[in-house]
Amino acid sequence: MSSPRFAALRYSLYRFGLFLVCFGVVWVLAYFKIIPLGVGNSNTIWLLLLAIVLSAPLSFVLLRRQRDVMSAQISAQVDRQKMRLAENRSQEDSVA
């Protein structure tokens, strides 16, 4: 398993890479007229939206393990911050 040190950055990069792959596939399909082109000048917007729609469920399935690592990292950071906040509150109560 990979190091959880930069899990959020790694997940974001994987997600962006998956989007780029989907955009490339959609662009090739549109180039060969397998899928319809957009109306007028909307071709790029149409291809971007289609790539987003395709990459979202793919990332949900393909990046599950990386998302779990990122979630554990974020959860641990939140727990540490809660403990620090509780310690600071107890120190303030003991001073007052």
C-alpha atoms as a PDB file:
ATOM      1  CA  MET A   1       0.000   0.000   0.000  1.00  0.00           C
ATOM      2  CA  SER A   2       1.204   3.501  -0.764  1.00  0.00           C
ATOM      3  CA  SER A   3       2.257   6.015   1.842  1.00  0.00           C
ATOM      4  CA  PRO A   4      -0.644   8.091   3.191  1.00  0.00           C
ATOM      5  CA  ARG A   5       1.514  11.196   3.519  1.00  0.00           C
ATOM      6  CA  PHE A   6       0.174  13.032   0.476  1.00  0.00           C
ATOM      7  CA  ALA A   7      -3.025  11.029   0.047  1.00  0.00           C
ATOM      8  CA  ALA A   8      -5.279  13.982  -0.826  1.00  0.00           C
ATOM      9  CA  LEU A   9      -2.849  15.309  -3.429  1.00  0.00           C
ATOM     10  CA  ARG A  10      -2.349  11.852  -4.907  1.00  0.00           C
ATOM     11  CA  TYR A  11      -6.108  11.236  -5.104  1.00  0.00           C
ATOM     12  CA  SER A  12      -6.641  14.616  -6.766  1.00  0.00           C
ATOM     13  CA  LEU A  13      -3.930  13.927  -9.330  1.00  0.00           C
ATOM     14  CA  TYR A  14      -5.344  10.473 -10.085  1.00  0.00           C
ATOM     15  CA  ARG A  15      -8.795  11.965 -10.459  1.00  0.00           C
ATOM     16  CA  PHE A  16      -7.526  14.677 -12.818  1.00  0.00           C
ATOM     17  CA  GLY A  17      -5.592  12.080 -14.811  1.00  0.00           C
ATOM     18  CA  LEU A  18      -8.683   9.930 -15.161  1.00  0.00           C
ATOM     19  CA  PHE A  19     -10.596  12.986 -16.376  1.00  0.00           C
ATOM     20  CA  LEU A  20      -7.899  13.681 -18.983  1.00  0.00           C
ATOM     21  CA  VAL A  21      -8.049  10.076 -20.203  1.00  0.00           C
ATOM     22  CA  CYS A  22     -11.841  10.295 -20.482  1.00  0.00           C
ATOM     23  CA  PHE A  23     -11.552  13.606 -22.324  1.00  0.00           C
ATOM     24  CA  GLY A  24      -9.068  12.051 -24.741  1.00  0.00           C
ATOM     25  CA  VAL A  25     -11.348   9.099 -25.414  1.00  0.00           C
ATOM     26  CA  VAL A  26     -14.360  11.370 -25.925  1.00  0.00           C
ATOM     27  CA  TRP A  27     -12.344  13.637 -28.225  1.00  0.00           C
ATOM     28  CA  VAL A  28     -11.243  10.669 -30.366  1.00  0.00           C
ATOM     29  CA  LEU A  29     -14.828   9.393 -30.547  1.00  0.00           C
ATOM     30  CA  ALA A  30     -16.029  12.837 -31.623  1.00  0.00           C
ATOM     31  CA  TYR A  31     -13.197  13.199 -34.127  1.00  0.00           C
ATOM     32  CA  PHE A  32     -14.247   9.979 -35.868  1.00  0.00           C
ATOM     33  CA  LYS A  33     -17.917  11.052 -35.560  1.00  0.00           C
ATOM     34  CA  ILE A  34     -18.858   8.045 -33.443  1.00  0.00           C
ATOM     35  CA  ILE A  35     -20.557  10.397 -30.983  1.00  0.00           C
ATOM     36  CA  PRO A  36     -22.327  13.574 -32.083  1.00  0.00           C
ATOM     37  CA  LEU A  37     -20.539  16.886 -32.023  1.00  0.00           C
ATOM     38  CA  GLY A  38     -21.988  19.813 -30.121  1.00  0.00           C
ATOM     39  CA  VAL A  39     -24.234  22.411 -31.720  1.00  0.00           C
ATOM     40  CA  GLY A  40     -22.367  25.362 -33.250  1.00  0.00           C
ATOM     41  CA  ASN A  41     -19.314  26.314 -31.200  1.00  0.00           C
ATOM     42  CA  SER A  42     -20.298  24.178 -28.188  1.00  0.00           C
ATOM     43  CA  ASN A  43     -18.155  21.204 -29.195  1.00  0.00           C
ATOM     44  CA  THR A  44     -15.477  21.785 -26.533  1.00  0.00           C
ATOM     45  CA  ILE A  45     -18.023  22.355 -23.780  1.00  0.00           C
ATOM     46  CA  TRP A  46     -19.950  19.251 -24.845  1.00  0.00           C
ATOM     47  CA  LEU A  47     -16.775  17.142 -24.771  1.00  0.00           C
ATOM     48  CA  LEU A  48     -15.751  18.520 -21.349  1.00  0.00           C
ATOM     49  CA  LEU A  49     -19.165  17.807 -19.853  1.00  0.00           C
ATOM     50  CA  LEU A  50     -19.252  14.312 -21.308  1.00  0.00           C
ATOM     51  CA  ALA A  51     -15.760  13.613 -19.946  1.00  0.00           C
ATOM     52  CA  ILE A  52     -16.849  14.809 -16.479  1.00  0.00           C
ATOM     53  CA  VAL A  53     -19.930  12.602 -16.567  1.00  0.00           C
ATOM     54  CA  LEU A  54     -17.841   9.590 -17.581  1.00  0.00           C
ATOM     55  CA  SER A  55     -14.948  10.151 -15.188  1.00  0.00           C
ATOM     56  CA  ALA A  56     -17.095  10.608 -12.054  1.00  0.00           C
ATOM     57  CA  PRO A  57     -18.440   7.033 -11.774  1.00  0.00           C
ATOM     58  CA  LEU A  58     -15.146   5.611 -13.009  1.00  0.00           C
ATOM     59  CA  SER A  59     -13.250   7.412 -10.255  1.00  0.00           C
ATOM     60  CA  PHE A  60     -15.793   6.186  -7.717  1.00  0.00           C
ATOM     61  CA  VAL A  61     -15.009   2.591  -8.680  1.00  0.00           C
ATOM     62  CA  LEU A  62     -11.357   2.736  -9.729  1.00  0.00           C
ATOM     63  CA  LEU A  63     -10.026   5.062  -7.027  1.00  0.00           C
ATOM     64  CA  ARG A  64     -11.793   3.521  -4.035  1.00  0.00           C
ATOM     65  CA  ARG A  65      -8.613   2.417  -2.251  1.00  0.00           C
ATOM     66  CA  GLN A  66      -6.927   5.807  -2.699  1.00  0.00           C
ATOM     67  CA  ARG A  67     -10.086   7.582  -1.504  1.00  0.00           C
ATOM     68  CA  ASP A  68     -10.132   5.383   1.625  1.00  0.00           C
ATOM     69  CA  VAL A  69      -6.488   6.249   2.374  1.00  0.00           C
ATOM     70  CA  MET A  70      -7.258   9.948   1.918  1.00  0.00           C
ATOM     71  CA  SER A  71     -10.310   9.665   4.163  1.00  0.00           C
ATOM     72  CA  ALA A  72      -8.281   7.992   6.916  1.00  0.00           C
ATOM     73  CA  GLN A  73      -5.641  10.720   6.680  1.00  0.00           C
ATOM     74  CA  ILE A  74      -8.203  13.508   6.919  1.00  0.00           C
ATOM     75  CA  SER A  75     -10.034  11.760   9.756  1.00  0.00           C
ATOM     76  CA  ALA A  76      -6.800  11.421  11.735  1.00  0.00           C
ATOM     77  CA  GLN A  77      -6.020  15.109  11.233  1.00  0.00           C
ATOM     78  CA  VAL A  78      -9.504  16.111  12.398  1.00  0.00           C
ATOM     79  CA  ASP A  79      -9.173  13.913  15.492  1.00  0.00           C
ATOM     80  CA  ARG A  80      -5.799  15.494  16.341  1.00  0.00           C
ATOM     81  CA  GLN A  81      -7.260  18.981  15.986  1.00  0.00           C
ATOM     82  CA  LYS A  82     -10.196  18.055  18.244  1.00  0.00           C
ATOM     83  CA  MET A  83      -7.793  16.758  20.894  1.00  0.00           C
ATOM     84  CA  ARG A  84      -5.714  19.951  20.727  1.00  0.00           C
ATOM     85  CA  LEU A  85      -8.842  22.068  21.037  1.00  0.00           C
ATOM     86  CA  ALA A  86     -10.010  20.057  24.052  1.00  0.00           C
ATOM     87  CA  GLU A  87      -6.569  20.413  25.683  1.00  0.00           C
ATOM     88  CA  ASN A  88      -6.578  24.168  25.097  1.00  0.00           C
ATOM     89  CA  ARG A  89     -10.056  24.478  26.607  1.00  0.00           C
ATOM     90  CA  SER A  90      -9.030  22.492  29.683  1.00  0.00           C
ATOM     91  CA  GLN A  91      -5.939  24.689  30.132  1.00  0.00           C
ATOM     92  CA  GLU A  92      -8.073  27.835  29.871  1.00  0.00           C
ATOM     93  CA  ASP A  93     -10.536  26.447  32.442  1.00  0.00           C
ATOM     94  CA  SER A  94      -7.767  25.606  34.898  1.00  0.00           C
ATOM     95  CA  VAL A  95      -6.256  29.129  34.630  1.00  0.00           C
ATOM     96  CA  ALA A  96      -9.551  30.944  35.155  1.00  0.00           C
END
